[in-house]
Amino acid sequence: MKINKIREMSSPDLEKELGELKSELFKLRFSLATNGLDNPMKIKEVKKDIAKIKTVLTERELNGEPVVAQEKPETTSKKATSKAKKEEAAEEPKKETKKTATKKETKKVTE
């Protein structure tokens, strides 16, 4: 993809194209790992196209042009999820559990 063609595109179109290129890159990497590619240089080309689009979007943002950012689905990391669970557990009143005697303790009691 030529840089002149990228500069002519609108920001929403660039965002859409960026998403498509990222999914294409994922598919290329996956097929390379599983069964190989006919043209492994295609990965390099797609990466360069992604970089060109990001560069144009950044230039537009720095020039003060309104750039419509693509909505990202909210994802929670494992750390955030586990932290939230720990906080919930801390808020709940702890239930008293009855401790059962171990083998050593039972020996002492019987002796």
PDB file of N, CA and C in Angstrom:
ATOM      1  N   MET A   1       0.848  -1.167   0.000  1.00  0.00           N
ATOM      2  CA  MET A   1       0.000   0.000   0.000  1.00  0.00           C
ATOM      3  C   MET A   1       0.899   1.237   0.000  1.00  0.00           C
ATOM      4  N   LYS A   2       0.613   2.167  -0.867  1.00  0.00           N
ATOM      5  CA  LYS A   2       1.407   3.389  -0.996  1.00  0.00           C
ATOM      6  C   LYS A   2       0.976   4.412   0.047  1.00  0.00           C
ATOM      7  N   ILE A   3       1.942   5.200   0.495  1.00  0.00           N
ATOM      8  CA  ILE A   3       1.669   6.193   1.525  1.00  0.00           C
ATOM      9  C   ILE A   3       0.719   7.268   1.011  1.00  0.00           C
ATOM     10  N   ASN A   4       0.802   7.598  -0.276  1.00  0.00           N
ATOM     11  CA  ASN A   4      -0.109   8.609  -0.843  1.00  0.00           C
ATOM     12  C   ASN A   4      -1.555   8.139  -0.771  1.00  0.00           C
ATOM     13  N   LYS A   5      -1.774   6.868  -1.039  1.00  0.00           N
ATOM     14  CA  LYS A   5      -3.123   6.307  -0.960  1.00  0.00           C
ATOM     15  C   LYS A   5      -3.627   6.341   0.479  1.00  0.00           C
ATOM     16  N   ILE A   6      -2.739   6.076   1.422  1.00  0.00           N
ATOM     17  CA  ILE A   6      -3.110   6.086   2.842  1.00  0.00           C
ATOM     18  C   ILE A   6      -3.471   7.495   3.284  1.00  0.00           C
ATOM     19  N   ARG A   7      -2.703   8.493   2.839  1.00  0.00           N
ATOM     20  CA  ARG A   7      -2.973   9.884   3.237  1.00  0.00           C
ATOM     21  C   ARG A   7      -4.299  10.396   2.674  1.00  0.00           C
ATOM     22  N   GLU A   8      -4.747   9.843   1.556  1.00  0.00           N
ATOM     23  CA  GLU A   8      -6.009  10.264   0.955  1.00  0.00           C
ATOM     24  C   GLU A   8      -7.214   9.701   1.709  1.00  0.00           C
ATOM     25  N   MET A   9      -7.019   8.631   2.433  1.00  0.00           N
ATOM     26  CA  MET A   9      -8.127   7.989   3.139  1.00  0.00           C
ATOM     27  C   MET A   9      -8.521   8.802   4.365  1.00  0.00           C
ATOM     28  N   SER A  10      -9.789   8.702   4.749  1.00  0.00           N
ATOM     29  CA  SER A  10     -10.252   9.398   5.946  1.00  0.00           C
ATOM     30  C   SER A  10      -9.832   8.605   7.195  1.00  0.00           C
ATOM     31  N   SER A  11      -9.880   9.267   8.328  1.00  0.00           N
ATOM     32  CA  SER A  11      -9.451   8.621   9.579  1.00  0.00           C
ATOM     33  C   SER A  11     -10.279   7.389   9.933  1.00  0.00           C
ATOM     34  N   PRO A  12     -11.619   7.438   9.811  1.00  0.00           N
ATOM     35  CA  PRO A  12     -12.387   6.216  10.112  1.00  0.00           C
ATOM     36  C   PRO A  12     -12.044   5.067   9.167  1.00  0.00           C
ATOM     37  N   ASP A  13     -11.786   5.412   7.899  1.00  0.00           N
ATOM     38  CA  ASP A  13     -11.391   4.370   6.947  1.00  0.00           C
ATOM     39  C   ASP A  13     -10.041   3.770   7.326  1.00  0.00           C
ATOM     40  N   LEU A  14      -9.137   4.630   7.793  1.00  0.00           N
ATOM     41  CA  LEU A  14      -7.821   4.141   8.218  1.00  0.00           C
ATOM     42  C   LEU A  14      -7.948   3.230   9.433  1.00  0.00           C
ATOM     43  N   GLU A  15      -8.825   3.599  10.358  1.00  0.00           N
ATOM     44  CA  GLU A  15      -9.038   2.758  11.545  1.00  0.00           C
ATOM     45  C   GLU A  15      -9.573   1.385  11.134  1.00  0.00           C
ATOM     46  N   LYS A  16     -10.498   1.401  10.172  1.00  0.00           N
ATOM     47  CA  LYS A  16     -11.070   0.146   9.689  1.00  0.00           C
ATOM     48  C   LYS A  16      -9.992  -0.696   9.000  1.00  0.00           C
ATOM     49  N   GLU A  17      -9.200  -0.053   8.162  1.00  0.00           N
ATOM     50  CA  GLU A  17      -8.126  -0.755   7.446  1.00  0.00           C
ATOM     51  C   GLU A  17      -7.090  -1.307   8.425  1.00  0.00           C
ATOM     52  N   LEU A  18      -6.810  -0.552   9.484  1.00  0.00           N
ATOM     53  CA  LEU A  18      -5.859  -0.996  10.494  1.00  0.00           C
ATOM     54  C   LEU A  18      -6.351  -2.273  11.169  1.00  0.00           C
ATOM     55  N   GLY A  19      -7.627  -2.319  11.500  1.00  0.00           N
ATOM     56  CA  GLY A  19      -8.197  -3.528  12.102  1.00  0.00           C
ATOM     57  C   GLY A  19      -8.116  -4.724  11.165  1.00  0.00           C
ATOM     58  N   GLU A  20      -8.395  -4.482   9.892  1.00  0.00           N
ATOM     59  CA  GLU A  20      -8.318  -5.571   8.910  1.00  0.00           C
ATOM     60  C   GLU A  20      -6.890  -6.087   8.757  1.00  0.00           C
ATOM     61  N   LEU A  21      -5.928  -5.159   8.736  1.00  0.00           N
ATOM     62  CA  LEU A  21      -4.530  -5.571   8.593  1.00  0.00           C
ATOM     63  C   LEU A  21      -4.045  -6.352   9.817  1.00  0.00           C
ATOM     64  N   LYS A  22      -4.502  -5.939  10.987  1.00  0.00           N
ATOM     65  CA  LYS A  22      -4.110  -6.662  12.199  1.00  0.00           C
ATOM     66  C   LYS A  22      -4.666  -8.083  12.195  1.00  0.00           C
ATOM     67  N   SER A  23      -5.899  -8.238  11.747  1.00  0.00           N
ATOM     68  CA  SER A  23      -6.467  -9.587  11.688  1.00  0.00           C
ATOM     69  C   SER A  23      -5.769 -10.410  10.608  1.00  0.00           C
ATOM     70  N   GLU A  24      -5.395  -9.765   9.500  1.00  0.00           N
ATOM     71  CA  GLU A  24      -4.658 -10.474   8.451  1.00  0.00           C
ATOM     72  C   GLU A  24      -3.292 -10.923   8.963  1.00  0.00           C
ATOM     73  N   LEU A  25      -2.630 -10.060   9.733  1.00  0.00           N
ATOM     74  CA  LEU A  25      -1.327 -10.414  10.300  1.00  0.00           C
ATOM     75  C   LEU A  25      -1.458 -11.601  11.239  1.00  0.00           C
ATOM     76  N   PHE A  26      -2.526 -11.603  12.031  1.00  0.00           N
ATOM     77  CA  PHE A  26      -2.761 -12.732  12.931  1.00  0.00           C
ATOM     78  C   PHE A  26      -2.927 -14.021  12.146  1.00  0.00           C
ATOM     79  N   LYS A  27      -3.723 -13.965  11.086  1.00  0.00           N
ATOM     80  CA  LYS A  27      -3.953 -15.154  10.270  1.00  0.00           C
ATOM     81  C   LYS A  27      -2.659 -15.627   9.605  1.00  0.00           C
ATOM     82  N   LEU A  28      -1.851 -14.683   9.137  1.00  0.00           N
ATOM     83  CA  LEU A  28      -0.582 -15.052   8.501  1.00  0.00           C
ATOM     84  C   LEU A  28       0.360 -15.726   9.495  1.00  0.00           C
ATOM     85  N   ARG A  29       0.441 -15.161  10.690  1.00  0.00           N
ATOM     86  CA  ARG A  29       1.301 -15.761  11.716  1.00  0.00           C
ATOM     87  C   ARG A  29       0.817 -17.152  12.088  1.00  0.00           C
ATOM     88  N   PHE A  30      -0.489 -17.288  12.199  1.00  0.00           N
ATOM     89  CA  PHE A  30      -1.061 -18.579  12.568  1.00  0.00           C
ATOM     90  C   PHE A  30      -0.775 -19.624  11.495  1.00  0.00           C
ATOM     91  N   SER A  31      -0.983 -19.248  10.243  1.00  0.00           N
ATOM     92  CA  SER A  31      -0.748 -20.217   9.166  1.00  0.00           C
ATOM     93  C   SER A  31       0.734 -20.517   9.015  1.00  0.00           C
ATOM     94  N   LEU A  32       1.598 -19.555   9.315  1.00  0.00           N
ATOM     95  CA  LEU A  32       3.040 -19.810   9.269  1.00  0.00           C
ATOM     96  C   LEU A  32       3.426 -20.846  10.317  1.00  0.00           C
ATOM     97  N   ALA A  33       2.826 -20.737  11.488  1.00  0.00           N
ATOM     98  CA  ALA A  33       3.152 -21.664  12.570  1.00  0.00           C
ATOM     99  C   ALA A  33       2.577 -23.052  12.316  1.00  0.00           C
ATOM    100  N   THR A  34       1.438 -23.130  11.692  1.00  0.00           N
ATOM    101  CA  THR A  34       0.796 -24.430  11.520  1.00  0.00           C
ATOM    102  C   THR A  34       1.268 -25.174  10.276  1.00  0.00           C
ATOM    103  N   ASN A  35       1.183 -24.537   9.114  1.00  0.00           N
ATOM    104  CA  ASN A  35       1.513 -25.287   7.907  1.00  0.00           C
ATOM    105  C   ASN A  35       2.461 -24.570   6.966  1.00  0.00           C
ATOM    106  N   GLY A  36       2.936 -23.421   7.318  1.00  0.00           N
ATOM    107  CA  GLY A  36       3.868 -22.698   6.459  1.00  0.00           C
ATOM    108  C   GLY A  36       3.147 -21.810   5.464  1.00  0.00           C
ATOM    109  N   LEU A  37       3.878 -20.834   4.948  1.00  0.00           N
ATOM    110  CA  LEU A  37       3.314 -19.883   3.996  1.00  0.00           C
ATOM    111  C   LEU A  37       4.009 -20.026   2.649  1.00  0.00           C
ATOM    112  N   ASP A  38       3.270 -19.715   1.589  1.00  0.00           N
ATOM    113  CA  ASP A  38       3.891 -19.687   0.273  1.00  0.00           C
ATOM    114  C   ASP A  38       4.827 -18.494   0.165  1.00  0.00           C
ATOM    115  N   ASN A  39       4.413 -17.371   0.751  1.00  0.00           N
ATOM    116  CA  ASN A  39       5.201 -16.146   0.680  1.00  0.00           C
ATOM    117  C   ASN A  39       5.357 -15.560   2.083  1.00  0.00           C
ATOM    118  N   PRO A  40       6.405 -15.934   2.829  1.00  0.00           N
ATOM    119  CA  PRO A  40       6.571 -15.410   4.188  1.00  0.00           C
ATOM    120  C   PRO A  40       6.875 -13.915   4.224  1.00  0.00           C
ATOM    121  N   MET A  41       7.257 -13.325   3.099  1.00  0.00           N
ATOM    122  CA  MET A  41       7.513 -11.886   3.058  1.00  0.00           C
ATOM    123  C   MET A  41       6.217 -11.084   3.183  1.00  0.00           C
ATOM    124  N   LYS A  42       5.086 -11.751   3.013  1.00  0.00           N
ATOM    125  CA  LYS A  42       3.791 -11.084   3.154  1.00  0.00           C
ATOM    126  C   LYS A  42       3.621 -10.530   4.567  1.00  0.00           C
ATOM    127  N   ILE A  43       4.174 -11.236   5.557  1.00  0.00           N
ATOM    128  CA  ILE A  43       4.101 -10.773   6.952  1.00  0.00           C
ATOM    129  C   ILE A  43       4.800  -9.428   7.084  1.00  0.00           C
ATOM    130  N   LYS A  44       5.960  -9.320   6.483  1.00  0.00           N
ATOM    131  CA  LYS A  44       6.734  -8.084   6.538  1.00  0.00           C
ATOM    132  C   LYS A  44       5.971  -6.934   5.880  1.00  0.00           C
ATOM    133  N   GLU A  45       5.346  -7.200   4.743  1.00  0.00           N
ATOM    134  CA  GLU A  45       4.579  -6.174   4.036  1.00  0.00           C
ATOM    135  C   GLU A  45       3.398  -5.688   4.882  1.00  0.00           C
ATOM    136  N   VAL A  46       2.695  -6.620   5.508  1.00  0.00           N
ATOM    137  CA  VAL A  46       1.536  -6.250   6.329  1.00  0.00           C
ATOM    138  C   VAL A  46       1.985  -5.430   7.532  1.00  0.00           C
ATOM    139  N   LYS A  47       3.096  -5.797   8.141  1.00  0.00           N
ATOM    140  CA  LYS A  47       3.610  -5.035   9.281  1.00  0.00           C
ATOM    141  C   LYS A  47       3.949  -3.605   8.864  1.00  0.00           C
ATOM    142  N   LYS A  48       4.548  -3.460   7.696  1.00  0.00           N
ATOM    143  CA  LYS A  48       4.905  -2.123   7.211  1.00  0.00           C
ATOM    144  C   LYS A  48       3.653  -1.298   6.928  1.00  0.00           C
ATOM    145  N   ASP A  49       2.629  -1.926   6.369  1.00  0.00           N
ATOM    146  CA  ASP A  49       1.380  -1.223   6.106  1.00  0.00           C
ATOM    147  C   ASP A  49       0.734  -0.754   7.403  1.00  0.00           C
ATOM    148  N   ILE A  50       0.781  -1.595   8.428  1.00  0.00           N
ATOM    149  CA  ILE A  50       0.247  -1.216   9.743  1.00  0.00           C
ATOM    150  C   ILE A  50       1.010  -0.003  10.275  1.00  0.00           C
ATOM    151  N   ALA A  51       2.329  -0.028  10.148  1.00  0.00           N
ATOM    152  CA  ALA A  51       3.146   1.083  10.630  1.00  0.00           C
ATOM    153  C   ALA A  51       2.841   2.365   9.865  1.00  0.00           C
ATOM    154  N   LYS A  52       2.636   2.269   8.555  1.00  0.00           N
ATOM    155  CA  LYS A  52       2.310   3.455   7.750  1.00  0.00           C
ATOM    156  C   LYS A  52       0.987   4.066   8.210  1.00  0.00           C
ATOM    157  N   ILE A  53      -0.003   3.225   8.421  1.00  0.00           N
ATOM    158  CA  ILE A  53      -1.311   3.730   8.847  1.00  0.00           C
ATOM    159  C   ILE A  53      -1.217   4.375  10.222  1.00  0.00           C
ATOM    160  N   LYS A  54      -0.495   3.735  11.137  1.00  0.00           N
ATOM    161  CA  LYS A  54      -0.346   4.319  12.477  1.00  0.00           C
ATOM    162  C   LYS A  54       0.387   5.652  12.406  1.00  0.00           C
ATOM    163  N   THR A  55       1.363   5.759  11.517  1.00  0.00           N
ATOM    164  CA  THR A  55       2.113   7.002  11.363  1.00  0.00           C
ATOM    165  C   THR A  55       1.204   8.122  10.880  1.00  0.00           C
ATOM    166  N   VAL A  56       0.393   7.853   9.873  1.00  0.00           N
ATOM    167  CA  VAL A  56      -0.519   8.867   9.339  1.00  0.00           C
ATOM    168  C   VAL A  56      -1.533   9.279  10.396  1.00  0.00           C
ATOM    169  N   LEU A  57      -2.060   8.311  11.146  1.00  0.00           N
ATOM    170  CA  LEU A  57      -3.024   8.646  12.202  1.00  0.00           C
ATOM    171  C   LEU A  57      -2.376   9.510  13.280  1.00  0.00           C
ATOM    172  N   THR A  58      -1.141   9.202  13.640  1.00  0.00           N
ATOM    173  CA  THR A  58      -0.437   9.990  14.647  1.00  0.00           C
ATOM    174  C   THR A  58      -0.160  11.397  14.135  1.00  0.00           C
ATOM    175  N   GLU A  59       0.230  11.511  12.877  1.00  0.00           N
ATOM    176  CA  GLU A  59       0.461  12.831  12.284  1.00  0.00           C
ATOM    177  C   GLU A  59      -0.805  13.668  12.343  1.00  0.00           C
ATOM    178  N   ARG A  60      -1.916  13.067  12.001  1.00  0.00           N
ATOM    179  CA  ARG A  60      -3.184  13.796  12.023  1.00  0.00           C
ATOM    180  C   ARG A  60      -3.548  14.219  13.434  1.00  0.00           C
ATOM    181  N   GLU A  61      -3.294  13.360  14.387  1.00  0.00           N
ATOM    182  CA  GLU A  61      -3.603  13.673  15.782  1.00  0.00           C
ATOM    183  C   GLU A  61      -2.754  14.835  16.269  1.00  0.00           C
ATOM    184  N   LEU A  62      -1.479  14.842  15.892  1.00  0.00           N
ATOM    185  CA  LEU A  62      -0.582  15.912  16.319  1.00  0.00           C
ATOM    186  C   LEU A  62      -0.900  17.235  15.625  1.00  0.00           C
ATOM    187  N   ASN A  63      -1.472  17.181  14.441  1.00  0.00           N
ATOM    188  CA  ASN A  63      -1.859  18.395  13.724  1.00  0.00           C
ATOM    189  C   ASN A  63      -3.178  18.961  14.227  1.00  0.00           C
ATOM    190  N   GLY A  64      -3.807  18.278  15.148  1.00  0.00           N
ATOM    191  CA  GLY A  64      -5.043  18.781  15.737  1.00  0.00           C
ATOM    192  C   GLY A  64      -6.290  18.346  15.010  1.00  0.00           C
ATOM    193  N   GLU A  65      -6.144  17.466  14.044  1.00  0.00           N
ATOM    194  CA  GLU A  65      -7.317  16.972  13.345  1.00  0.00           C
ATOM    195  C   GLU A  65      -8.038  15.965  14.232  1.00  0.00           C
ATOM    196  N   PRO A  66      -9.368  15.972  14.204  1.00  0.00           N
ATOM    197  CA  PRO A  66     -10.088  14.989  15.019  1.00  0.00           C
ATOM    198  C   PRO A  66      -9.895  13.587  14.451  1.00  0.00           C
ATOM    199  N   VAL A  67      -9.432  12.699  15.286  1.00  0.00           N
ATOM    200  CA  VAL A  67      -9.212  11.319  14.893  1.00  0.00           C
ATOM    201  C   VAL A  67     -10.181  10.459  15.675  1.00  0.00           C
ATOM    202  N   VAL A  68     -10.995   9.710  14.979  1.00  0.00           N
ATOM    203  CA  VAL A  68     -11.966   8.839  15.629  1.00  0.00           C
ATOM    204  C   VAL A  68     -11.244   7.558  15.992  1.00  0.00           C
ATOM    205  N   ALA A  69     -11.100   7.320  17.277  1.00  0.00           N
ATOM    206  CA  ALA A  69     -10.433   6.101  17.728  1.00  0.00           C
ATOM    207  C   ALA A  69     -11.406   4.947  17.696  1.00  0.00           C
ATOM    208  N   GLN A  70     -10.889   3.792  17.329  1.00  0.00           N
ATOM    209  CA  GLN A  70     -11.727   2.601  17.268  1.00  0.00           C
ATOM    210  C   GLN A  70     -12.026   2.150  18.692  1.00  0.00           C
ATOM    211  N   GLU A  71     -13.292   1.813  18.940  1.00  0.00           N
ATOM    212  CA  GLU A  71     -13.669   1.384  20.271  1.00  0.00           C
ATOM    213  C   GLU A  71     -13.081   0.017  20.560  1.00  0.00           C
ATOM    214  N   LYS A  72     -12.399  -0.074  21.684  1.00  0.00           N
ATOM    215  CA  LYS A  72     -11.815  -1.343  22.082  1.00  0.00           C
ATOM    216  C   LYS A  72     -12.732  -2.006  23.097  1.00  0.00           C
ATOM    217  N   PRO A  73     -12.965  -3.285  22.950  1.00  0.00           N
ATOM    218  CA  PRO A  73     -13.789  -3.961  23.952  1.00  0.00           C
ATOM    219  C   PRO A  73     -13.035  -4.002  25.271  1.00  0.00           C
ATOM    220  N   GLU A  74     -13.788  -3.814  26.334  1.00  0.00           N
ATOM    221  CA  GLU A  74     -13.158  -3.822  27.645  1.00  0.00           C
ATOM    222  C   GLU A  74     -12.722  -5.230  27.997  1.00  0.00           C
ATOM    223  N   THR A  75     -11.450  -5.344  28.248  1.00  0.00           N
ATOM    224  CA  THR A  75     -10.918  -6.634  28.654  1.00  0.00           C
ATOM    225  C   THR A  75     -10.271  -6.466  30.007  1.00  0.00           C
ATOM    226  N   THR A  76     -10.382  -7.474  30.803  1.00  0.00           N
ATOM    227  CA  THR A  76      -9.750  -7.431  32.107  1.00  0.00           C
ATOM    228  C   THR A  76      -8.638  -8.450  32.130  1.00  0.00           C
ATOM    229  N   SER A  77      -7.550  -8.025  32.669  1.00  0.00           N
ATOM    230  CA  SER A  77      -6.428  -8.944  32.758  1.00  0.00           C
ATOM    231  C   SER A  77      -6.652  -9.921  33.900  1.00  0.00           C
ATOM    232  N   LYS A  78      -5.860 -10.951  33.923  1.00  0.00           N
ATOM    233  CA  LYS A  78      -5.988 -11.946  34.984  1.00  0.00           C
ATOM    234  C   LYS A  78      -5.691 -11.328  36.337  1.00  0.00           C
ATOM    235  N   LYS A  79      -4.707 -10.404  36.352  1.00  0.00           N
ATOM    236  CA  LYS A  79      -4.346  -9.765  37.611  1.00  0.00           C
ATOM    237  C   LYS A  79      -5.505  -8.926  38.143  1.00  0.00           C
ATOM    238  N   ALA A  80      -6.145  -8.179  37.259  1.00  0.00           N
ATOM    239  CA  ALA A  80      -7.256  -7.332  37.683  1.00  0.00           C
ATOM    240  C   ALA A  80      -8.416  -8.179  38.185  1.00  0.00           C
ATOM    241  N   THR A  81      -8.682  -9.298  37.518  1.00  0.00           N
ATOM    242  CA  THR A  81      -9.770 -10.167  37.923  1.00  0.00           C
ATOM    243  C   THR A  81      -9.489 -10.790  39.279  1.00  0.00           C
ATOM    244  N   SER A  82      -8.269 -11.271  39.471  1.00  0.00           N
ATOM    245  CA  SER A  82      -7.940 -11.903  40.745  1.00  0.00           C
ATOM    246  C   SER A  82      -7.921 -10.865  41.869  1.00  0.00           C
ATOM    247  N   LYS A  83      -7.499  -9.653  41.562  1.00  0.00           N
ATOM    248  CA  LYS A  83      -7.485  -8.598  42.570  1.00  0.00           C
ATOM    249  C   LYS A  83      -8.907  -8.264  42.999  1.00  0.00           C
ATOM    250  N   ALA A  84      -9.820  -8.206  42.040  1.00  0.00           N
ATOM    251  CA  ALA A  84     -11.219  -7.911  42.350  1.00  0.00           C
ATOM    252  C   ALA A  84     -11.813  -9.023  43.208  1.00  0.00           C
ATOM    253  N   LYS A  85     -11.474 -10.269  42.913  1.00  0.00           N
ATOM    254  CA  LYS A  85     -11.987 -11.391  43.704  1.00  0.00           C
ATOM    255  C   LYS A  85     -11.452 -11.320  45.128  1.00  0.00           C
ATOM    256  N   LYS A  86     -10.189 -10.951  45.289  1.00  0.00           N
ATOM    257  CA  LYS A  86      -9.612 -10.845  46.622  1.00  0.00           C
ATOM    258  C   LYS A  86     -10.297  -9.740  47.424  1.00  0.00           C
ATOM    259  N   GLU A  87     -10.595  -8.622  46.752  1.00  0.00           N
ATOM    260  CA  GLU A  87     -11.266  -7.529  47.428  1.00  0.00           C
ATOM    261  C   GLU A  87     -12.673  -7.934  47.870  1.00  0.00           C
ATOM    262  N   GLU A  88     -13.380  -8.676  47.015  1.00  0.00           N
ATOM    263  CA  GLU A  88     -14.706  -9.146  47.369  1.00  0.00           C
ATOM    264  C   GLU A  88     -14.648 -10.104  48.550  1.00  0.00           C
ATOM    265  N   ALA A  89     -13.640 -10.958  48.550  1.00  0.00           N
ATOM    266  CA  ALA A  89     -13.497 -11.916  49.639  1.00  0.00           C
ATOM    267  C   ALA A  89     -13.174 -11.198  50.947  1.00  0.00           C
ATOM    268  N   ALA A  90     -12.407 -10.123  50.865  1.00  0.00           N
ATOM    269  CA  ALA A  90     -12.052  -9.379  52.069  1.00  0.00           C
ATOM    270  C   ALA A  90     -13.262  -8.660  52.644  1.00  0.00           C
ATOM    271  N   GLU A  91     -14.185  -8.238  51.797  1.00  0.00           N
ATOM    272  CA  GLU A  91     -15.366  -7.533  52.260  1.00  0.00           C
ATOM    273  C   GLU A  91     -16.371  -8.460  52.936  1.00  0.00           C
ATOM    274  N   GLU A  92     -16.424  -9.705  52.509  1.00  0.00           N
ATOM    275  CA  GLU A  92     -17.371 -10.651  53.082  1.00  0.00           C
ATOM    276  C   GLU A  92     -16.909 -11.050  54.488  1.00  0.00           C
ATOM    277  N   PRO A  93     -17.854 -11.208  55.415  1.00  0.00           N
ATOM    278  CA  PRO A  93     -17.453 -11.636  56.751  1.00  0.00           C
ATOM    279  C   PRO A  93     -16.928 -13.077  56.692  1.00  0.00           C
ATOM    280  N   LYS A  94     -15.846 -13.271  57.383  1.00  0.00           N
ATOM    281  CA  LYS A  94     -15.236 -14.598  57.367  1.00  0.00           C
ATOM    282  C   LYS A  94     -16.027 -15.546  58.256  1.00  0.00           C
ATOM    283  N   LYS A  95     -16.223 -16.730  57.758  1.00  0.00           N
ATOM    284  CA  LYS A  95     -16.926 -17.755  58.515  1.00  0.00           C
ATOM    285  C   LYS A  95     -15.903 -18.503  59.354  1.00  0.00           C
ATOM    286  N   GLU A  96     -16.304 -18.763  60.584  1.00  0.00           N
ATOM    287  CA  GLU A  96     -15.401 -19.514  61.442  1.00  0.00           C
ATOM    288  C   GLU A  96     -15.471 -20.983  61.062  1.00  0.00           C
ATOM    289  N   THR A  97     -14.315 -21.550  60.861  1.00  0.00           N
ATOM    290  CA  THR A  97     -14.276 -22.968  60.514  1.00  0.00           C
ATOM    291  C   THR A  97     -13.688 -23.741  61.682  1.00  0.00           C
ATOM    292  N   LYS A  98     -14.204 -24.911  61.891  1.00  0.00           N
ATOM    293  CA  LYS A  98     -13.726 -25.736  62.977  1.00  0.00           C
ATOM    294  C   LYS A  98     -12.500 -26.492  62.488  1.00  0.00           C
ATOM    295  N   LYS A  99     -11.431 -26.371  63.256  1.00  0.00           N
ATOM    296  CA  LYS A  99     -10.188 -27.022  62.873  1.00  0.00           C
ATOM    297  C   LYS A  99     -10.233 -28.469  63.362  1.00  0.00           C
ATOM    298  N   THR A 100      -9.913 -29.359  62.467  1.00  0.00           N
ATOM    299  CA  THR A 100      -9.871 -30.769  62.847  1.00  0.00           C
ATOM    300  C   THR A 100      -8.486 -31.106  63.350  1.00  0.00           C
ATOM    301  N   ALA A 101      -8.424 -32.032  64.243  1.00  0.00           N
ATOM    302  CA  ALA A 101      -7.160 -32.408  64.851  1.00  0.00           C
ATOM    303  C   ALA A 101      -6.317 -33.198  63.857  1.00  0.00           C
ATOM    304  N   THR A 102      -5.006 -32.926  63.887  1.00  0.00           N
ATOM    305  CA  THR A 102      -4.088 -33.676  63.039  1.00  0.00           C
ATOM    306  C   THR A 102      -3.688 -34.951  63.754  1.00  0.00           C
ATOM    307  N   LYS A 103      -2.951 -35.797  63.096  1.00  0.00           N
ATOM    308  CA  LYS A 103      -2.539 -37.068  63.686  1.00  0.00           C
ATOM    309  C   LYS A 103      -1.684 -36.846  64.924  1.00  0.00           C
ATOM    310  N   LYS A 104      -0.795 -35.887  64.891  1.00  0.00           N
ATOM    311  CA  LYS A 104       0.075 -35.614  66.033  1.00  0.00           C
ATOM    312  C   LYS A 104      -0.748 -35.154  67.235  1.00  0.00           C
ATOM    313  N   GLU A 105      -1.726 -34.313  66.993  1.00  0.00           N
ATOM    314  CA  GLU A 105      -2.552 -33.827  68.084  1.00  0.00           C
ATOM    315  C   GLU A 105      -3.387 -34.944  68.678  1.00  0.00           C
ATOM    316  N   THR A 106      -3.866 -35.872  67.873  1.00  0.00           N
ATOM    317  CA  THR A 106      -4.660 -36.965  68.409  1.00  0.00           C
ATOM    318  C   THR A 106      -3.785 -37.909  69.228  1.00  0.00           C
ATOM    319  N   LYS A 107      -2.560 -38.097  68.867  1.00  0.00           N
ATOM    320  CA  LYS A 107      -1.652 -38.948  69.638  1.00  0.00           C
ATOM    321  C   LYS A 107      -1.422 -38.351  71.004  1.00  0.00           C
ATOM    322  N   LYS A 108      -1.248 -37.031  71.064  1.00  0.00           N
ATOM    323  CA  LYS A 108      -1.002 -36.383  72.334  1.00  0.00           C
ATOM    324  C   LYS A 108      -2.223 -36.516  73.249  1.00  0.00           C
ATOM    325  N   VAL A 109      -3.375 -36.427  72.671  1.00  0.00           N
ATOM    326  CA  VAL A 109      -4.600 -36.502  73.461  1.00  0.00           C
ATOM    327  C   VAL A 109      -4.775 -37.915  74.023  1.00  0.00           C
ATOM    328  N   THR A 110      -4.459 -38.943  73.265  1.00  0.00           N
ATOM    329  CA  THR A 110      -4.671 -40.308  73.705  1.00  0.00           C
ATOM    330  C   THR A 110      -3.595 -40.775  74.667  1.00  0.00           C
ATOM    331  N   GLU A 111      -2.467 -40.149  74.669  1.00  0.00           N
ATOM    332  CA  GLU A 111      -1.388 -40.611  75.557  1.00  0.00           C
ATOM    333  C   GLU A 111      -1.541 -40.202  76.971  1.00  0.00           C
TER     334      GLU A 111
END
